[in-house]
């Protein structure tokens, strides 16, 4: 190196340092990424196990349909490597699934329907560009059709229990119309009228045999992918034992309110909490007040 000019010496030295760091990092990650029992870390990539049975609500993905299996593999890879969103869903499922599972069982709906809540909103009381709201993403008209109160003061699309019951009623109706839970989920995504029209045009009755819009074409397979990852989080690199899962929001007492509330902030202070925490436990509150001219009783959860 003594015959090289100073600039070339600096360049060569820097290159050697970078190579050493890269190899050390690669070696370190290779060791840390090696997990027992066929598990793998984020640094590994595995293809779908085609010998395994995949199903939604007991309805199998047909193994002789390579197109369906390839689309399923895509959804598993997309969700397994969408680290931040999928890990947050895994953590939030601990909070929301116990409530949802209980209602599904009471309504006679398959347990796998709970994965719609994950796919629709990632367990967030979100508002879509089209105006759908809540964990189950109901449009206003559909929400009212299934018994939810929606006005300037109250939006029960953000009420976990009431919106879950509404989703069960809607999906049961769709299942009775289309003959399977797989098709009911597809109809939930694209609308029953749209799916019926496509069935007529394509002379098809199975979700896996249909050519639908891209979102619905992926939708049911995304549900199955989320189910697969939730059932086997460590296999897909989500080491949930290394961090806390989110606890259910069960540390509260209930208060019946049948009067006008001029300001929920003042109400919260009266009960030694904050408006923010009142919204966390009662996300269906849609404004800072409650007119309640009909003196309807509302059950408000007060965090302890």
C-alpha atoms as a PDB file:
ATOM      1  CA  UNK A   1       0.000   0.000   0.000  1.00  0.00           C
ATOM      2  CA  UNK A   2       2.964   2.328   0.433  1.00  0.00           C
ATOM      3  CA  UNK A   3       3.110   2.852  -3.372  1.00  0.00           C
ATOM      4  CA  UNK A   4      -0.517   4.086  -3.491  1.00  0.00           C
ATOM      5  CA  UNK A   5      -1.331   7.775  -3.317  1.00  0.00           C
ATOM      6  CA  UNK A   6      -3.105   9.037  -0.143  1.00  0.00           C
ATOM      7  CA  UNK A   7      -6.588   9.202  -1.749  1.00  0.00           C
ATOM      8  CA  UNK A   8      -6.421   5.597  -2.925  1.00  0.00           C
ATOM      9  CA  UNK A   9      -5.169   4.480   0.490  1.00  0.00           C
ATOM     10  CA  UNK A  10      -8.159   6.147   2.177  1.00  0.00           C
ATOM     11  CA  UNK A  11     -10.577   4.594  -0.360  1.00  0.00           C
ATOM     12  CA  UNK A  12      -9.109   1.094   0.049  1.00  0.00           C
ATOM     13  CA  UNK A  13      -9.047   1.347   3.827  1.00  0.00           C
ATOM     14  CA  UNK A  14     -12.658   2.521   3.898  1.00  0.00           C
ATOM     15  CA  UNK A  15     -13.718  -0.314   1.610  1.00  0.00           C
ATOM     16  CA  UNK A  16     -12.037  -2.903   3.839  1.00  0.00           C
ATOM     17  CA  UNK A  17     -13.713  -1.458   6.952  1.00  0.00           C
ATOM     18  CA  UNK A  18     -17.136  -1.504   5.255  1.00  0.00           C
ATOM     19  CA  UNK A  19     -16.592  -5.116   4.131  1.00  0.00           C
ATOM     20  CA  UNK A  20     -15.609  -6.164   7.657  1.00  0.00           C
ATOM     21  CA  UNK A  21     -18.680  -4.486   9.164  1.00  0.00           C
ATOM     22  CA  UNK A  22     -20.978  -6.004   6.543  1.00  0.00           C
ATOM     23  CA  UNK A  23     -19.608  -9.530   7.039  1.00  0.00           C
ATOM     24  CA  UNK A  24     -19.804  -9.180  10.795  1.00  0.00           C
ATOM     25  CA  UNK A  25     -23.404  -7.967  10.583  1.00  0.00           C
ATOM     26  CA  UNK A  26     -24.296 -10.782   8.201  1.00  0.00           C
ATOM     27  CA  UNK A  27     -22.702 -13.403  10.446  1.00  0.00           C
ATOM     28  CA  UNK A  28     -24.394 -11.962  13.514  1.00  0.00           C
ATOM     29  CA  UNK A  29     -27.828 -11.961  11.877  1.00  0.00           C
ATOM     30  CA  UNK A  30     -27.359 -15.449  10.486  1.00  0.00           C
ATOM     31  CA  UNK A  31     -26.709 -16.771  13.983  1.00  0.00           C
ATOM     32  CA  UNK A  32     -29.536 -14.820  15.582  1.00  0.00           C
ATOM     33  CA  UNK A  33     -31.954 -15.729  12.815  1.00  0.00           C
ATOM     34  CA  UNK A  34     -31.560 -19.460  13.280  1.00  0.00           C
ATOM     35  CA  UNK A  35     -34.552 -20.712  15.264  1.00  0.00           C
ATOM     36  CA  UNK A  36     -35.585 -24.261  16.213  1.00  0.00           C
ATOM     37  CA  UNK A  37     -38.436 -26.345  14.821  1.00  0.00           C
ATOM     38  CA  UNK A  38     -38.418 -24.889  11.342  1.00  0.00           C
ATOM     39  CA  UNK A  39     -39.005 -21.335  12.516  1.00  0.00           C
ATOM     40  CA  UNK A  40     -37.260 -18.446  10.835  1.00  0.00           C
ATOM     41  CA  UNK A  41     -36.428 -14.805  11.390  1.00  0.00           C
ATOM     42  CA  UNK A  42     -37.099 -11.707   9.324  1.00  0.00           C
ATOM     43  CA  UNK A  43     -33.788 -12.311   7.519  1.00  0.00           C
ATOM     44  CA  UNK A  44     -35.033 -15.660   6.144  1.00  0.00           C
ATOM     45  CA  UNK A  45     -37.556 -16.194   3.379  1.00  0.00           C
ATOM     46  CA  UNK A  46     -39.561 -19.393   3.027  1.00  0.00           C
ATOM     47  CA  UNK A  47     -42.144 -20.449   0.497  1.00  0.00           C
ATOM     48  CA  UNK A  48     -45.610 -21.700   1.313  1.00  0.00           C
ATOM     49  CA  UNK A  49     -45.999 -25.269   2.549  1.00  0.00           C
ATOM     50  CA  UNK A  50     -48.246 -26.606  -0.217  1.00  0.00           C
ATOM     51  CA  UNK A  51     -48.902 -29.858   1.656  1.00  0.00           C
ATOM     52  CA  UNK A  52     -50.704 -28.060   4.454  1.00  0.00           C
ATOM     53  CA  UNK A  53     -54.466 -27.554   4.514  1.00  0.00           C
ATOM     54  CA  UNK A  54     -55.498 -23.902   4.596  1.00  0.00           C
ATOM     55  CA  UNK A  55     -59.092 -22.973   5.285  1.00  0.00           C
ATOM     56  CA  UNK A  56     -61.442 -20.168   6.159  1.00  0.00           C
ATOM     57  CA  UNK A  57     -64.307 -21.084   8.487  1.00  0.00           C
ATOM     58  CA  UNK A  58     -63.667 -24.747   7.682  1.00  0.00           C
ATOM     59  CA  UNK A  59     -63.835 -24.184   3.921  1.00  0.00           C
ATOM     60  CA  UNK A  60     -60.602 -25.437   2.351  1.00  0.00           C
ATOM     61  CA  UNK A  61     -58.462 -23.610  -0.171  1.00  0.00           C
ATOM     62  CA  UNK A  62     -58.448 -26.077  -3.112  1.00  0.00           C
ATOM     63  CA  UNK A  63     -55.005 -27.643  -3.439  1.00  0.00           C
ATOM     64  CA  UNK A  64     -55.518 -28.324  -7.120  1.00  0.00           C
ATOM     65  CA  UNK A  65     -55.946 -24.606  -7.822  1.00  0.00           C
ATOM     66  CA  UNK A  66     -52.398 -23.284  -8.316  1.00  0.00           C
ATOM     67  CA  UNK A  67     -53.708 -19.744  -8.826  1.00  0.00           C
ATOM     68  CA  UNK A  68     -55.392 -19.698  -5.412  1.00  0.00           C
ATOM     69  CA  UNK A  69     -52.285 -21.117  -3.703  1.00  0.00           C
ATOM     70  CA  UNK A  70     -50.013 -18.580  -5.379  1.00  0.00           C
ATOM     71  CA  UNK A  71     -52.305 -15.751  -4.336  1.00  0.00           C
ATOM     72  CA  UNK A  72     -52.383 -17.114  -0.782  1.00  0.00           C
ATOM     73  CA  UNK A  73     -48.589 -17.243  -0.710  1.00  0.00           C
ATOM     74  CA  UNK A  74     -48.458 -13.626  -1.780  1.00  0.00           C
ATOM     75  CA  UNK A  75     -50.732 -12.582   1.089  1.00  0.00           C
ATOM     76  CA  UNK A  76     -48.732 -14.563   3.644  1.00  0.00           C
ATOM     77  CA  UNK A  77     -45.484 -12.970   2.458  1.00  0.00           C
ATOM     78  CA  UNK A  78     -46.953  -9.463   2.300  1.00  0.00           C
ATOM     79  CA  UNK A  79     -48.348  -9.664   5.820  1.00  0.00           C
ATOM     80  CA  UNK A  80     -45.402 -11.565   7.312  1.00  0.00           C
ATOM     81  CA  UNK A  81     -42.978  -8.926   6.060  1.00  0.00           C
ATOM     82  CA  UNK A  82     -45.178  -5.913   6.777  1.00  0.00           C
ATOM     83  CA  UNK A  83     -43.556  -6.017  10.166  1.00  0.00           C
ATOM     84  CA  UNK A  84     -44.902  -2.970  11.972  1.00  0.00           C
ATOM     85  CA  UNK A  85     -48.553  -3.381  10.992  1.00  0.00           C
ATOM     86  CA  UNK A  86     -48.710  -7.156  11.494  1.00  0.00           C
ATOM     87  CA  UNK A  87     -46.924  -7.057  14.845  1.00  0.00           C
ATOM     88  CA  UNK A  88     -49.322  -4.366  16.052  1.00  0.00           C
ATOM     89  CA  UNK A  89     -52.259  -6.529  14.949  1.00  0.00           C
ATOM     90  CA  UNK A  90     -50.846  -9.523  16.832  1.00  0.00           C
ATOM     91  CA  UNK A  91     -50.495  -7.393  19.961  1.00  0.00           C
ATOM     92  CA  UNK A  92     -53.967  -5.816  19.650  1.00  0.00           C
ATOM     93  CA  UNK A  93     -55.639  -9.167  19.008  1.00  0.00           C
ATOM     94  CA  UNK A  94     -55.057 -10.000  22.685  1.00  0.00           C
ATOM     95  CA  UNK A  95     -57.258  -7.001  23.556  1.00  0.00           C
ATOM     96  CA  UNK A  96     -60.062  -7.389  21.042  1.00  0.00           C
ATOM     97  CA  UNK A  97     -60.386 -11.086  20.218  1.00  0.00           C
ATOM     98  CA  UNK A  98     -61.824 -12.182  23.593  1.00  0.00           C
ATOM     99  CA  UNK A  99     -64.730  -9.755  23.155  1.00  0.00           C
ATOM    100  CA  UNK A 100     -65.241 -10.588  19.472  1.00  0.00           C
ATOM    101  CA  UNK A 101     -64.944 -14.362  19.948  1.00  0.00           C
ATOM    102  CA  UNK A 102     -67.616 -14.369  22.660  1.00  0.00           C
ATOM    103  CA  UNK A 103     -70.078 -12.496  20.438  1.00  0.00           C
ATOM    104  CA  UNK A 104     -69.355 -14.698  17.406  1.00  0.00           C
ATOM    105  CA  UNK A 105     -70.099 -17.789  19.472  1.00  0.00           C
ATOM    106  CA  UNK A 106     -73.329 -16.275  20.815  1.00  0.00           C
ATOM    107  CA  UNK A 107     -74.428 -15.328  17.294  1.00  0.00           C
ATOM    108  CA  UNK A 108     -73.618 -18.754  15.833  1.00  0.00           C
ATOM    109  CA  UNK A 109     -70.938 -17.376  13.522  1.00  0.00           C
ATOM    110  CA  UNK A 110     -67.619 -19.214  12.867  1.00  0.00           C
ATOM    111  CA  UNK A 111     -64.670 -18.067  14.930  1.00  0.00           C
ATOM    112  CA  UNK A 112     -62.637 -17.300  11.784  1.00  0.00           C
ATOM    113  CA  UNK A 113     -64.907 -14.327  11.096  1.00  0.00           C
ATOM    114  CA  UNK A 114     -62.834 -12.443  13.677  1.00  0.00           C
ATOM    115  CA  UNK A 115     -60.063 -12.090  11.100  1.00  0.00           C
ATOM    116  CA  UNK A 116     -62.275  -9.706   9.128  1.00  0.00           C
ATOM    117  CA  UNK A 117     -61.851  -7.191  11.942  1.00  0.00           C
ATOM    118  CA  UNK A 118     -58.082  -7.444  11.568  1.00  0.00           C
ATOM    119  CA  UNK A 119     -58.168  -7.172   7.782  1.00  0.00           C
ATOM    120  CA  UNK A 120     -60.719  -4.372   7.686  1.00  0.00           C
ATOM    121  CA  UNK A 121     -59.124  -1.978  10.149  1.00  0.00           C
ATOM    122  CA  UNK A 122     -56.077  -3.548  11.859  1.00  0.00           C
ATOM    123  CA  UNK A 123     -58.223  -3.165  15.015  1.00  0.00           C
ATOM    124  CA  UNK A 124     -58.353   0.616  14.642  1.00  0.00           C
ATOM    125  CA  UNK A 125     -61.507   2.721  14.773  1.00  0.00           C
ATOM    126  CA  UNK A 126     -60.463   4.129  11.431  1.00  0.00           C
ATOM    127  CA  UNK A 127     -62.377   6.121   8.803  1.00  0.00           C
ATOM    128  CA  UNK A 128     -61.854   5.058   5.193  1.00  0.00           C
ATOM    129  CA  UNK A 129     -61.741   7.490   2.248  1.00  0.00           C
ATOM    130  CA  UNK A 130     -65.265   6.318   1.350  1.00  0.00           C
ATOM    131  CA  UNK A 131     -66.569   7.083   4.860  1.00  0.00           C
ATOM    132  CA  UNK A 132     -66.652   3.572   6.345  1.00  0.00           C
ATOM    133  CA  UNK A 133     -65.923   3.631  10.075  1.00  0.00           C
ATOM    134  CA  UNK A 134     -64.995   1.440  12.970  1.00  0.00           C
ATOM    135  CA  UNK A 135     -63.196  -1.845  13.434  1.00  0.00           C
ATOM    136  CA  UNK A 136     -65.707  -3.532  11.084  1.00  0.00           C
ATOM    137  CA  UNK A 137     -65.745  -0.622   8.595  1.00  0.00           C
ATOM    138  CA  UNK A 138     -69.467   0.018   8.202  1.00  0.00           C
ATOM    139  CA  UNK A 139     -70.830   2.684   5.890  1.00  0.00           C
ATOM    140  CA  UNK A 140     -73.395   4.932   7.551  1.00  0.00           C
ATOM    141  CA  UNK A 141     -76.416   3.558   5.685  1.00  0.00           C
ATOM    142  CA  UNK A 142     -75.442  -0.070   6.303  1.00  0.00           C
ATOM    143  CA  UNK A 143     -74.698   0.637   9.951  1.00  0.00           C
ATOM    144  CA  UNK A 144     -78.159   2.103  10.480  1.00  0.00           C
ATOM    145  CA  UNK A 145     -79.718  -0.797   8.564  1.00  0.00           C
ATOM    146  CA  UNK A 146     -78.202  -3.182  11.113  1.00  0.00           C
ATOM    147  CA  UNK A 147     -79.382  -1.247  14.137  1.00  0.00           C
ATOM    148  CA  UNK A 148     -76.535   1.087  15.020  1.00  0.00           C
ATOM    149  CA  UNK A 149     -77.157   4.659  16.121  1.00  0.00           C
ATOM    150  CA  UNK A 150     -75.212   7.150  14.025  1.00  0.00           C
ATOM    151  CA  UNK A 151     -75.584  10.916  14.461  1.00  0.00           C
ATOM    152  CA  UNK A 152     -73.566  13.982  15.426  1.00  0.00           C
ATOM    153  CA  UNK A 153     -73.190  12.863  19.051  1.00  0.00           C
ATOM    154  CA  UNK A 154     -73.050   9.064  18.819  1.00  0.00           C
ATOM    155  CA  UNK A 155     -71.495   6.706  16.284  1.00  0.00           C
ATOM    156  CA  UNK A 156     -71.971   3.086  17.275  1.00  0.00           C
ATOM    157  CA  UNK A 157     -69.855   1.893  14.354  1.00  0.00           C
ATOM    158  CA  UNK A 158     -67.054   2.576  16.848  1.00  0.00           C
ATOM    159  CA  UNK A 159     -68.785   0.537  19.581  1.00  0.00           C
ATOM    160  CA  UNK A 160     -66.968  -2.806  19.618  1.00  0.00           C
ATOM    161  CA  UNK A 161     -69.791  -4.988  20.916  1.00  0.00           C
ATOM    162  CA  UNK A 162     -72.615  -3.396  18.916  1.00  0.00           C
ATOM    163  CA  UNK A 163     -70.665  -3.255  15.663  1.00  0.00           C
ATOM    164  CA  UNK A 164     -69.576  -6.883  16.087  1.00  0.00           C
ATOM    165  CA  UNK A 165     -73.195  -7.971  16.532  1.00  0.00           C
ATOM    166  CA  UNK A 166     -74.108  -5.986  13.413  1.00  0.00           C
ATOM    167  CA  UNK A 167     -71.274  -7.628  11.458  1.00  0.00           C
ATOM    168  CA  UNK A 168     -72.513 -11.070  12.554  1.00  0.00           C
ATOM    169  CA  UNK A 169     -76.040 -10.291  11.356  1.00  0.00           C
ATOM    170  CA  UNK A 170     -74.794  -8.986   8.024  1.00  0.00           C
ATOM    171  CA  UNK A 171     -72.437 -11.893   7.399  1.00  0.00           C
ATOM    172  CA  UNK A 172     -75.082 -14.456   8.366  1.00  0.00           C
ATOM    173  CA  UNK A 173     -77.442 -12.870   5.850  1.00  0.00           C
ATOM    174  CA  UNK A 174     -74.732 -12.947   3.171  1.00  0.00           C
ATOM    175  CA  UNK A 175     -73.886 -16.567   3.950  1.00  0.00           C
ATOM    176  CA  UNK A 176     -77.521 -17.568   3.579  1.00  0.00           C
ATOM    177  CA  UNK A 177     -77.637 -15.764   0.234  1.00  0.00           C
ATOM    178  CA  UNK A 178     -74.360 -16.986  -1.261  1.00  0.00           C
ATOM    179  CA  UNK A 179     -74.054 -20.410   0.347  1.00  0.00           C
ATOM    180  CA  UNK A 180     -70.640 -20.240   2.060  1.00  0.00           C
ATOM    181  CA  UNK A 181     -68.714 -18.156   4.557  1.00  0.00           C
ATOM    182  CA  UNK A 182     -65.980 -17.649   1.967  1.00  0.00           C
ATOM    183  CA  UNK A 183     -68.431 -16.026  -0.414  1.00  0.00           C
ATOM    184  CA  UNK A 184     -70.035 -14.112   2.466  1.00  0.00           C
ATOM    185  CA  UNK A 185     -66.639 -12.579   3.276  1.00  0.00           C
ATOM    186  CA  UNK A 186     -66.137 -11.664  -0.382  1.00  0.00           C
ATOM    187  CA  UNK A 187     -69.588 -10.036  -0.437  1.00  0.00           C
ATOM    188  CA  UNK A 188     -68.794  -8.176   2.783  1.00  0.00           C
ATOM    189  CA  UNK A 189     -65.813  -6.667   0.979  1.00  0.00           C
ATOM    190  CA  UNK A 190     -67.312  -5.788  -2.418  1.00  0.00           C
ATOM    191  CA  UNK A 191     -71.033  -5.709  -1.709  1.00  0.00           C
ATOM    192  CA  UNK A 192     -73.653  -8.384  -2.237  1.00  0.00           C
ATOM    193  CA  UNK A 193     -75.129  -6.890  -5.390  1.00  0.00           C
ATOM    194  CA  UNK A 194     -71.711  -6.615  -7.031  1.00  0.00           C
ATOM    195  CA  UNK A 195     -70.804 -10.201  -6.183  1.00  0.00           C
ATOM    196  CA  UNK A 196     -74.161 -11.526  -7.417  1.00  0.00           C
ATOM    197  CA  UNK A 197     -73.640  -9.724 -10.715  1.00  0.00           C
ATOM    198  CA  UNK A 198     -70.164 -11.230 -11.128  1.00  0.00           C
ATOM    199  CA  UNK A 199     -71.484 -14.706 -10.327  1.00  0.00           C
ATOM    200  CA  UNK A 200     -74.057 -14.310 -13.070  1.00  0.00           C
ATOM    201  CA  UNK A 201     -71.572 -12.945 -15.605  1.00  0.00           C
ATOM    202  CA  UNK A 202     -68.925 -15.585 -14.865  1.00  0.00           C
ATOM    203  CA  UNK A 203     -71.318 -18.517 -14.334  1.00  0.00           C
ATOM    204  CA  UNK A 204     -69.422 -19.271 -11.122  1.00  0.00           C
ATOM    205  CA  UNK A 205     -70.337 -19.917  -7.500  1.00  0.00           C
ATOM    206  CA  UNK A 206     -66.957 -20.500  -5.812  1.00  0.00           C
ATOM    207  CA  UNK A 207     -64.748 -17.653  -4.669  1.00  0.00           C
ATOM    208  CA  UNK A 208     -61.617 -19.454  -5.876  1.00  0.00           C
ATOM    209  CA  UNK A 209     -63.042 -19.807  -9.409  1.00  0.00           C
ATOM    210  CA  UNK A 210     -63.925 -16.135  -9.804  1.00  0.00           C
ATOM    211  CA  UNK A 211     -62.134 -13.168 -11.333  1.00  0.00           C
ATOM    212  CA  UNK A 212     -63.008 -10.191  -9.127  1.00  0.00           C
ATOM    213  CA  UNK A 213     -61.669  -6.712  -8.517  1.00  0.00           C
ATOM    214  CA  UNK A 214     -58.124  -6.762  -7.124  1.00  0.00           C
ATOM    215  CA  UNK A 215     -59.118  -5.936  -3.542  1.00  0.00           C
ATOM    216  CA  UNK A 216     -61.725  -8.690  -3.309  1.00  0.00           C
ATOM    217  CA  UNK A 217     -59.515 -11.093  -5.266  1.00  0.00           C
ATOM    218  CA  UNK A 218     -57.007 -10.761  -2.418  1.00  0.00           C
ATOM    219  CA  UNK A 219     -59.452 -10.305   0.478  1.00  0.00           C
ATOM    220  CA  UNK A 220     -60.367 -13.848   1.567  1.00  0.00           C
ATOM    221  CA  UNK A 221     -56.801 -15.035   1.026  1.00  0.00           C
ATOM    222  CA  UNK A 222     -55.592 -12.178   3.188  1.00  0.00           C
ATOM    223  CA  UNK A 223     -57.942 -13.384   5.930  1.00  0.00           C
ATOM    224  CA  UNK A 224     -56.400 -16.846   5.692  1.00  0.00           C
ATOM    225  CA  UNK A 225     -52.887 -15.375   5.695  1.00  0.00           C
ATOM    226  CA  UNK A 226     -53.619 -13.332   8.830  1.00  0.00           C
ATOM    227  CA  UNK A 227     -55.083 -16.437  10.464  1.00  0.00           C
ATOM    228  CA  UNK A 228     -51.954 -18.439   9.578  1.00  0.00           C
ATOM    229  CA  UNK A 229     -49.631 -15.771  11.017  1.00  0.00           C
ATOM    230  CA  UNK A 230     -51.726 -15.254  14.158  1.00  0.00           C
ATOM    231  CA  UNK A 231     -51.797 -19.010  14.778  1.00  0.00           C
ATOM    232  CA  UNK A 232     -48.026 -19.322  14.250  1.00  0.00           C
ATOM    233  CA  UNK A 233     -46.471 -15.914  15.061  1.00  0.00           C
ATOM    234  CA  UNK A 234     -43.050 -17.267  16.010  1.00  0.00           C
ATOM    235  CA  UNK A 235     -42.796 -19.262  12.794  1.00  0.00           C
ATOM    236  CA  UNK A 236     -43.106 -16.024  10.862  1.00  0.00           C
ATOM    237  CA  UNK A 237     -40.633 -14.135  13.011  1.00  0.00           C
ATOM    238  CA  UNK A 238     -42.989 -12.378  15.428  1.00  0.00           C
ATOM    239  CA  UNK A 239     -41.402 -13.112  18.799  1.00  0.00           C
ATOM    240  CA  UNK A 240     -44.347 -11.971  20.887  1.00  0.00           C
ATOM    241  CA  UNK A 241     -42.879 -13.406  24.080  1.00  0.00           C
ATOM    242  CA  UNK A 242     -40.230 -10.661  23.942  1.00  0.00           C
ATOM    243  CA  UNK A 243     -42.785  -7.888  24.468  1.00  0.00           C
ATOM    244  CA  UNK A 244     -46.155  -7.404  26.161  1.00  0.00           C
ATOM    245  CA  UNK A 245     -49.406  -8.016  24.303  1.00  0.00           C
ATOM    246  CA  UNK A 246     -52.090  -5.387  24.808  1.00  0.00           C
ATOM    247  CA  UNK A 247     -54.409  -6.198  27.693  1.00  0.00           C
ATOM    248  CA  UNK A 248     -58.206  -6.113  27.325  1.00  0.00           C
ATOM    249  CA  UNK A 249     -59.888  -2.843  28.321  1.00  0.00           C
ATOM    250  CA  UNK A 250     -61.715  -4.385  31.259  1.00  0.00           C
ATOM    251  CA  UNK A 251     -60.640  -2.089  34.097  1.00  0.00           C
ATOM    252  CA  UNK A 252     -63.789   0.041  34.229  1.00  0.00           C
ATOM    253  CA  UNK A 253     -67.229   0.377  35.756  1.00  0.00           C
ATOM    254  CA  UNK A 254     -70.418   1.287  33.918  1.00  0.00           C
ATOM    255  CA  UNK A 255     -72.648   4.280  34.441  1.00  0.00           C
ATOM    256  CA  UNK A 256     -76.067   4.798  32.846  1.00  0.00           C
ATOM    257  CA  UNK A 257     -76.489   8.327  31.462  1.00  0.00           C
ATOM    258  CA  UNK A 258     -79.968   9.478  30.377  1.00  0.00           C
ATOM    259  CA  UNK A 259     -79.500  13.250  30.448  1.00  0.00           C
ATOM    260  CA  UNK A 260     -77.901  15.920  28.318  1.00  0.00           C
ATOM    261  CA  UNK A 261     -74.122  16.146  28.751  1.00  0.00           C
ATOM    262  CA  UNK A 262     -72.979  19.686  28.057  1.00  0.00           C
ATOM    263  CA  UNK A 263     -69.319  18.731  27.934  1.00  0.00           C
ATOM    264  CA  UNK A 264     -67.719  15.284  28.192  1.00  0.00           C
ATOM    265  CA  UNK A 265     -64.504  16.891  29.472  1.00  0.00           C
ATOM    266  CA  UNK A 266     -66.341  18.217  32.545  1.00  0.00           C
ATOM    267  CA  UNK A 267     -68.057  14.835  32.906  1.00  0.00           C
ATOM    268  CA  UNK A 268     -64.688  13.070  32.832  1.00  0.00           C
ATOM    269  CA  UNK A 269     -63.208  15.335  35.504  1.00  0.00           C
ATOM    270  CA  UNK A 270     -66.209  14.670  37.730  1.00  0.00           C
ATOM    271  CA  UNK A 271     -65.313  10.983  37.639  1.00  0.00           C
ATOM    272  CA  UNK A 272     -61.565  11.479  38.090  1.00  0.00           C
ATOM    273  CA  UNK A 273     -60.544  10.693  34.541  1.00  0.00           C
ATOM    274  CA  UNK A 274     -59.776  12.577  31.320  1.00  0.00           C
ATOM    275  CA  UNK A 275     -61.667  13.140  28.091  1.00  0.00           C
ATOM    276  CA  UNK A 276     -58.949  11.140  26.326  1.00  0.00           C
ATOM    277  CA  UNK A 277     -59.450   8.090  28.534  1.00  0.00           C
ATOM    278  CA  UNK A 278     -63.214   8.441  28.252  1.00  0.00           C
ATOM    279  CA  UNK A 279     -62.801   8.226  24.465  1.00  0.00           C
ATOM    280  CA  UNK A 280     -60.467   5.213  24.760  1.00  0.00           C
ATOM    281  CA  UNK A 281     -63.119   3.291  26.702  1.00  0.00           C
ATOM    282  CA  UNK A 282     -66.077   4.776  24.778  1.00  0.00           C
ATOM    283  CA  UNK A 283     -64.915   5.385  21.190  1.00  0.00           C
ATOM    284  CA  UNK A 284     -68.563   5.675  20.098  1.00  0.00           C
ATOM    285  CA  UNK A 285     -68.706   9.176  21.599  1.00  0.00           C
ATOM    286  CA  UNK A 286     -68.666  11.341  18.474  1.00  0.00           C
ATOM    287  CA  UNK A 287     -68.517  14.871  19.898  1.00  0.00           C
ATOM    288  CA  UNK A 288     -67.717  16.836  23.044  1.00  0.00           C
ATOM    289  CA  UNK A 289     -71.357  16.778  24.166  1.00  0.00           C
ATOM    290  CA  UNK A 290     -74.539  14.695  24.162  1.00  0.00           C
ATOM    291  CA  UNK A 291     -77.824  16.447  23.397  1.00  0.00           C
ATOM    292  CA  UNK A 292     -80.017  13.423  24.236  1.00  0.00           C
ATOM    293  CA  UNK A 293     -83.370  15.192  23.907  1.00  0.00           C
ATOM    294  CA  UNK A 294     -85.153  11.830  24.082  1.00  0.00           C
ATOM    295  CA  UNK A 295     -83.440  11.073  27.421  1.00  0.00           C
ATOM    296  CA  UNK A 296     -82.248   7.753  26.069  1.00  0.00           C
ATOM    297  CA  UNK A 297     -80.084   5.751  28.499  1.00  0.00           C
ATOM    298  CA  UNK A 298     -76.469   5.303  27.361  1.00  0.00           C
ATOM    299  CA  UNK A 299     -74.034   2.979  29.128  1.00  0.00           C
ATOM    300  CA  UNK A 300     -70.766   4.862  29.624  1.00  0.00           C
ATOM    301  CA  UNK A 301     -67.628   3.054  30.749  1.00  0.00           C
ATOM    302  CA  UNK A 302     -65.638   4.898  33.368  1.00  0.00           C
ATOM    303  CA  UNK A 303     -61.997   3.762  33.657  1.00  0.00           C
ATOM    304  CA  UNK A 304     -60.949   2.934  37.175  1.00  0.00           C
END
